[in-house]
Protein backbone atom coordinates (compact mmCIF):
# COMPACT_ATOMS: atom_id res chain seq x y z
CA MET A 1 26.05 -127.20 -181.92
CA THR A 2 24.15 -126.56 -184.95
CA THR A 3 21.95 -128.93 -186.62
CA ALA A 4 22.16 -128.56 -190.15
CA ALA A 5 25.05 -125.59 -190.61
CA THR A 6 28.25 -126.55 -192.29
CA PRO A 7 31.32 -124.98 -190.83
CA ARG A 8 34.04 -123.05 -193.12
CA PRO A 9 37.02 -125.15 -194.68
CA GLY A 10 39.33 -126.29 -192.52
CA THR A 11 37.83 -125.77 -188.97
CA LEU A 12 36.56 -128.09 -186.12
CA THR A 13 32.95 -127.56 -185.03
CA PRO A 14 32.60 -125.09 -182.89
CA THR A 15 29.39 -125.54 -180.16
CA ASP A 16 26.75 -122.78 -179.06
CA ALA A 17 27.69 -122.62 -175.80
CA ALA A 18 30.93 -120.88 -176.84
CA PRO A 19 31.54 -117.63 -174.27
CA ARG A 20 30.97 -114.55 -175.90
CA ARG A 21 33.70 -112.16 -175.66
CA ARG A 22 34.43 -108.55 -177.80
CA THR A 23 37.22 -106.93 -178.74
CA ALA A 24 38.30 -103.68 -179.76
CA LEU A 25 37.27 -104.05 -183.51
CA ASP A 26 33.65 -103.84 -184.28
CA TRP A 27 32.90 -107.70 -185.00
CA ARG A 28 30.83 -106.61 -188.55
CA ILE A 29 34.23 -104.82 -189.49
CA ARG A 30 35.48 -108.58 -189.17
CA PHE A 31 32.37 -110.41 -190.73
CA GLY A 32 33.43 -108.28 -194.13
CA VAL A 33 37.37 -108.91 -193.70
CA LEU A 34 36.46 -112.64 -193.41
CA SER A 35 34.25 -112.37 -196.48
CA LEU A 36 36.86 -110.79 -198.25
CA ILE A 37 39.13 -113.35 -197.39
CA TRP A 38 37.76 -116.44 -198.22
CA GLY A 39 35.69 -115.27 -201.01
CA PHE A 40 38.96 -114.03 -202.70
CA SER A 41 40.65 -117.26 -201.79
CA PHE A 42 39.50 -119.09 -205.07
CA LEU A 43 41.10 -116.18 -207.19
CA LEU A 44 44.40 -117.17 -204.98
CA ILE A 45 44.47 -120.49 -205.35
CA LYS A 46 43.76 -119.97 -209.94
CA VAL A 47 46.74 -117.25 -209.56
CA GLY A 48 49.11 -120.01 -207.54
CA THR A 49 48.37 -122.90 -209.86
CA GLN A 50 49.51 -120.57 -212.79
CA GLY A 51 53.08 -121.14 -211.30
CA TYR A 52 52.76 -124.44 -209.59
CA ALA A 53 50.97 -128.57 -209.38
CA PRO A 54 47.95 -128.18 -207.43
CA PHE A 55 49.78 -130.23 -204.50
CA GLN A 56 52.30 -127.91 -204.10
CA VAL A 57 49.52 -125.12 -204.06
CA THR A 58 47.89 -126.62 -201.51
CA LEU A 59 50.90 -128.00 -199.49
CA GLY A 60 52.09 -124.37 -199.24
CA ARG A 61 48.51 -123.04 -198.42
CA LEU A 62 48.59 -125.44 -195.48
CA VAL A 63 52.25 -124.75 -194.51
CA PHE A 64 52.04 -120.97 -194.04
CA GLY A 65 48.41 -121.82 -192.58
CA THR A 66 49.72 -123.85 -189.94
CA ALA A 67 52.58 -121.38 -189.66
CA VAL A 68 49.97 -118.33 -188.37
CA LEU A 69 47.90 -121.03 -185.92
CA ALA A 70 51.32 -121.12 -184.58
CA ALA A 71 52.06 -118.78 -183.70
CA ALA A 72 48.54 -117.91 -182.48
CA MET A 73 49.01 -121.34 -180.25
CA ALA A 74 52.51 -119.50 -178.65
CA VAL A 75 51.19 -116.18 -178.19
CA ARG A 76 48.33 -117.91 -176.06
CA ARG A 77 50.36 -120.40 -174.73
CA GLU A 78 48.24 -123.16 -175.88
CA ARG A 79 49.49 -126.30 -176.14
CA LEU A 80 48.65 -129.34 -179.35
CA PRO A 81 46.08 -131.85 -177.64
CA ARG A 82 46.88 -134.68 -176.68
CA GLY A 83 46.36 -138.67 -176.67
CA ALA A 84 46.68 -141.48 -179.70
CA ARG A 85 43.04 -141.70 -180.01
CA THR A 86 42.06 -137.48 -180.33
CA TRP A 87 45.41 -137.84 -183.01
CA ALA A 88 44.02 -140.62 -185.01
CA HIS A 89 40.51 -138.65 -185.38
CA LEU A 90 42.49 -135.70 -186.05
CA THR A 91 43.94 -137.41 -189.01
CA VAL A 92 41.40 -138.40 -190.74
CA SER A 93 39.13 -134.85 -189.95
CA ALA A 94 43.12 -133.09 -191.57
CA PHE A 95 42.48 -135.20 -195.09
CA LEU A 96 38.24 -134.45 -195.04
CA LEU A 97 38.22 -130.86 -194.29
CA ASN A 98 41.77 -129.97 -195.33
CA ALA A 99 44.37 -132.06 -197.77
CA LEU A 100 41.18 -133.49 -200.00
CA PRO A 101 38.95 -130.24 -200.64
CA PHE A 102 42.01 -128.25 -200.75
CA SER A 103 43.63 -130.10 -203.76
CA LEU A 104 40.52 -130.78 -205.32
CA PHE A 105 40.10 -127.49 -205.26
CA ALA A 106 43.62 -126.63 -206.75
CA TYR A 107 43.06 -129.54 -209.44
CA SER A 108 39.32 -128.30 -210.45
CA GLU A 109 40.80 -125.07 -211.13
CA LEU A 110 43.51 -125.85 -213.43
CA THR A 111 40.36 -126.40 -216.44
CA ILE A 112 37.54 -123.82 -214.48
CA PRO A 113 37.08 -120.42 -213.50
CA SER A 114 37.49 -119.25 -209.86
CA THR A 115 34.23 -117.93 -210.00
CA LEU A 116 32.14 -121.30 -211.03
CA ALA A 117 34.95 -122.82 -207.69
CA GLY A 118 33.40 -120.43 -205.78
CA ILE A 119 29.94 -120.96 -206.19
CA CYS A 120 30.14 -124.83 -206.01
CA ASN A 121 31.69 -124.03 -202.59
CA ALA A 122 28.30 -122.92 -201.71
CA THR A 123 26.85 -125.75 -202.17
CA SER A 124 28.22 -127.32 -199.12
CA PRO A 125 25.03 -125.99 -196.53
CA LEU A 126 23.37 -128.20 -199.36
CA TRP A 127 25.30 -131.21 -198.73
CA GLY A 128 25.43 -130.90 -195.21
CA MET A 129 21.93 -130.69 -194.64
CA ALA A 130 20.78 -134.33 -196.82
CA LEU A 131 23.40 -136.14 -195.69
CA SER A 132 23.04 -135.22 -191.51
CA LEU A 133 19.60 -135.75 -192.31
CA VAL A 134 20.77 -139.25 -192.73
CA ALA A 135 23.96 -139.57 -190.56
CA LEU A 136 22.79 -137.65 -187.57
CA SER A 137 19.30 -139.08 -186.10
CA GLU A 138 18.64 -135.72 -184.50
CA ASP A 139 18.46 -133.58 -187.13
CA ARG A 140 14.89 -134.08 -188.16
CA PRO A 141 13.44 -132.91 -191.74
CA THR A 142 11.00 -130.23 -192.01
CA ARG A 143 9.33 -129.00 -195.01
CA ARG A 144 11.07 -125.29 -195.27
CA ARG A 145 14.65 -127.29 -195.09
CA VAL A 146 13.49 -129.97 -197.43
CA ALA A 147 12.58 -127.34 -200.04
CA GLY A 148 15.66 -125.39 -199.56
CA LEU A 149 17.46 -128.57 -200.41
CA GLY A 150 15.43 -128.99 -203.56
CA ILE A 151 15.82 -125.48 -204.79
CA GLY A 152 19.61 -125.40 -203.79
CA PHE A 153 19.99 -128.08 -206.13
CA ILE A 154 17.91 -126.44 -208.91
CA GLY A 155 20.55 -123.48 -208.53
CA VAL A 156 23.59 -126.42 -209.17
CA LEU A 157 21.74 -127.20 -212.18
CA THR A 158 21.18 -123.45 -213.42
CA VAL A 159 24.99 -122.67 -212.59
CA LEU A 160 26.07 -125.73 -214.68
CA GLY A 161 23.18 -124.78 -217.52
CA ALA A 162 21.59 -128.27 -217.44
CA TRP A 163 18.98 -127.64 -220.39
CA GLN A 164 22.38 -127.03 -222.43
CA GLY A 165 23.23 -130.72 -221.66
CA PHE A 166 26.26 -129.02 -219.49
CA GLN A 167 27.44 -127.94 -223.06
CA GLY A 168 31.37 -125.81 -222.53
CA LEU A 169 31.74 -126.91 -219.17
CA ASP A 170 34.41 -128.92 -217.91
CA SER A 171 33.08 -131.50 -215.89
CA THR A 172 35.88 -133.37 -214.58
CA GLY A 173 37.21 -129.59 -213.17
CA THR A 174 33.44 -128.71 -211.66
CA VAL A 175 33.01 -132.59 -209.99
CA MET A 176 36.06 -132.01 -208.29
CA ALA A 177 34.86 -128.59 -207.30
CA LEU A 178 31.56 -129.89 -206.06
CA MET A 179 33.49 -133.30 -204.66
CA ALA A 180 35.84 -130.96 -202.90
CA SER A 181 32.36 -129.25 -201.34
CA LEU A 182 30.85 -132.36 -200.06
CA SER A 183 34.23 -133.60 -198.55
CA TYR A 184 33.28 -130.47 -195.47
CA PRO A 185 30.27 -131.65 -194.23
CA ILE A 186 31.77 -135.23 -194.39
CA GLY A 187 34.33 -134.23 -192.39
CA TRP A 188 32.19 -131.95 -190.05
CA ILE A 189 29.71 -135.20 -188.87
CA TYR A 190 32.69 -137.09 -188.20
CA VAL A 191 34.59 -134.75 -186.05
CA ARG A 192 31.22 -134.01 -184.52
CA ARG A 193 30.83 -137.62 -183.90
CA THR A 194 34.16 -138.03 -182.80
CA LEU A 195 35.77 -135.35 -181.61
CA ALA A 196 33.26 -132.87 -179.89
CA GLY A 197 33.60 -132.25 -176.15
CA SER A 198 36.74 -133.43 -176.13
CA GLY A 199 37.42 -130.36 -173.85
CA HIS A 200 40.51 -128.80 -175.93
CA SER A 201 40.35 -126.01 -177.26
CA HIS A 202 39.11 -124.94 -180.49
CA LEU A 203 42.51 -123.66 -181.94
CA SER A 204 44.99 -126.17 -180.60
CA MET A 205 42.58 -128.90 -182.44
CA THR A 206 42.71 -126.86 -185.45
CA GLY A 207 46.31 -126.04 -185.30
CA ALA A 208 47.11 -130.03 -184.65
CA GLN A 209 44.58 -130.86 -187.95
CA LEU A 210 46.12 -127.94 -189.90
CA LEU A 211 49.84 -129.70 -189.18
CA LEU A 212 48.62 -133.38 -189.96
CA ALA A 213 47.14 -132.15 -193.11
CA SER A 214 50.80 -130.96 -194.18
CA VAL A 215 52.44 -133.77 -193.08
CA GLN A 216 50.29 -135.58 -195.57
CA LEU A 217 50.96 -133.19 -198.32
CA ALA A 218 54.27 -133.61 -197.96
CA LEU A 219 53.95 -137.42 -198.32
CA VAL A 220 51.93 -137.05 -200.88
CA THR A 221 53.40 -134.22 -202.90
CA PRO A 222 57.33 -135.79 -204.46
CA LEU A 223 55.21 -138.64 -205.72
CA PHE A 224 52.77 -136.54 -208.38
CA THR A 225 54.93 -133.68 -208.99
CA ALA A 226 58.66 -132.54 -209.25
CA LEU A 227 60.73 -129.65 -207.24
CA PRO A 228 60.14 -126.37 -209.80
CA ASP A 229 63.35 -125.26 -211.29
CA HIS A 230 62.21 -121.79 -211.08
CA PHE A 231 59.83 -120.38 -208.48
CA PRO A 232 57.26 -117.55 -210.52
CA LEU A 233 57.06 -114.97 -207.94
CA VAL A 234 53.03 -113.80 -208.23
CA PRO A 235 51.95 -117.18 -207.72
CA LEU A 236 54.20 -117.77 -204.85
CA LEU A 237 52.75 -114.70 -203.28
CA ALA A 238 49.19 -116.16 -204.05
CA ILE A 239 49.67 -119.30 -202.39
CA ALA A 240 51.55 -117.46 -199.13
CA ALA A 241 48.53 -115.05 -199.32
CA LEU A 242 46.32 -117.63 -199.34
CA GLY A 243 47.95 -119.99 -196.58
CA THR A 244 48.27 -116.93 -194.42
CA LEU A 245 44.82 -114.92 -194.96
CA GLY A 246 42.69 -117.67 -196.10
CA THR A 247 43.93 -120.12 -193.60
CA GLY A 248 45.47 -118.75 -190.92
CA LEU A 249 44.49 -115.91 -189.98
CA ALA A 250 40.61 -116.21 -191.49
CA LEU A 251 39.89 -119.08 -188.80
CA LEU A 252 41.29 -116.69 -186.21
CA ILE A 253 38.77 -114.33 -187.19
CA GLN A 254 36.21 -117.18 -187.56
CA TYR A 255 37.24 -117.88 -183.45
CA GLY A 256 36.55 -114.41 -182.64
CA LEU A 257 33.07 -114.33 -184.43
CA VAL A 258 32.04 -117.12 -182.90
CA ALA A 259 32.88 -116.24 -179.41
CA GLU A 260 31.55 -113.07 -179.77
CA VAL A 261 27.88 -113.51 -182.03
CA GLY A 262 27.58 -117.17 -182.17
CA PRO A 263 28.45 -119.97 -184.66
CA THR A 264 24.72 -119.42 -186.20
CA THR A 265 25.57 -115.25 -187.43
CA ALA A 266 29.50 -116.46 -187.90
CA GLN A 267 28.49 -118.62 -190.35
CA MET A 268 26.40 -116.20 -192.49
CA VAL A 269 29.82 -115.28 -194.29
CA THR A 270 29.31 -118.45 -196.82
CA TYR A 271 26.44 -116.72 -198.42
CA PHE A 272 28.77 -113.80 -198.81
CA ILE A 273 31.81 -115.55 -200.34
CA PRO A 274 30.35 -116.74 -204.15
CA VAL A 275 29.43 -113.07 -204.58
CA ILE A 276 32.70 -111.92 -203.45
CA ALA A 277 34.50 -114.95 -205.71
CA THR A 278 32.65 -114.39 -208.67
CA GLY A 279 32.95 -110.26 -208.62
CA ALA A 280 36.75 -111.41 -208.59
CA GLY A 281 37.04 -113.66 -210.73
CA VAL A 282 35.39 -111.45 -213.32
CA ALA A 283 37.20 -108.00 -212.47
CA ILE A 284 40.68 -109.02 -211.48
CA LEU A 285 41.73 -112.61 -214.00
CA GLY A 286 38.50 -111.00 -216.77
CA GLU A 287 36.46 -114.65 -216.53
CA SER A 288 33.53 -114.52 -218.41
CA LEU A 289 29.92 -115.04 -217.08
CA THR A 290 26.60 -115.40 -218.24
CA TRP A 291 23.33 -115.34 -217.00
CA SER A 292 22.96 -118.59 -215.35
CA THR A 293 25.91 -118.07 -212.92
CA PRO A 294 24.56 -115.38 -210.81
CA VAL A 295 20.87 -116.20 -211.48
CA GLY A 296 21.67 -120.08 -210.24
CA ALA A 297 24.32 -118.88 -207.53
CA ALA A 298 21.02 -116.52 -206.40
CA ILE A 299 19.07 -120.09 -206.22
CA ILE A 300 21.99 -121.76 -204.58
CA LEU A 301 22.01 -119.65 -201.57
CA ALA A 302 18.38 -119.11 -201.30
CA GLY A 303 17.97 -122.86 -200.89
CA ALA A 304 21.09 -122.84 -198.39
CA ALA A 305 19.68 -119.87 -196.44
CA LEU A 306 16.56 -122.59 -195.62
CA THR A 307 18.57 -125.65 -195.39
CA GLN A 308 19.61 -123.41 -192.00
CA ALA A 309 15.79 -122.09 -191.07
CA LYS A 310 14.46 -123.69 -187.92
CA GLY A 311 10.95 -123.49 -189.08
CA ARG A 312 7.88 -126.01 -189.29
CA ARG A 313 7.52 -129.46 -190.67
């Protein structure tokens, strides 16, 4: 199991001992498809919130994603995990890895561009590095990784335009996106401490996790939103794509990559997501882009890469 790397949103932590297997489609092609799917997810969130409330976007995303994993489990004849303790821990991980960050990103994109949300997502490895040094005794700081942490947060300040006093930036939306990114490594550490080595497959565990997150949103959404009196088609299609592709299919692709090339290589997709999210937001949604955004994103990715390196102290 990797020590500092943070798994992608909505996943349970893979192990380094995952069996290697090959599929007919080259892993590099699947890696590229996964990068595109997750990179475009922030655009889909933005489009979805143009017709539906953020909680409704998140609920739809989870329902469609759960349906895809349920179908995969049926095809592979896998069952949901058993045991009250396992389900109790999965309830917490569903909140930290799905319900909370998905909702925060949806709310954040009401006021910030999808490009900024995608870049904020890239800070997850930085949060993960900082938290693992405190919460995981086996993670030892090295000079290279601590330097990467510092460089990464300099990149965050660059993206946010700290030297200008954060002018023109919606602070609430940005904080929500950063908190969503922070929620992922918190959930990852929780899963690592409570569910690692449970004996259940990653597919059945994540399927149960998405199911629980769907239930959580189904309970919360009616309390804060009203049922739409009409259903705009394009935002609805965006939500369906976000769930089936960005949540369900993407997780299945990731499992295959982890099994074939290992978690370290599979997690390199993290460094392509903000680039694709930025390109999609600018080219398709016409979002503005200042020099500090791509420069800061490059600094964040460089810092994140250093935090994953296993070098000398």
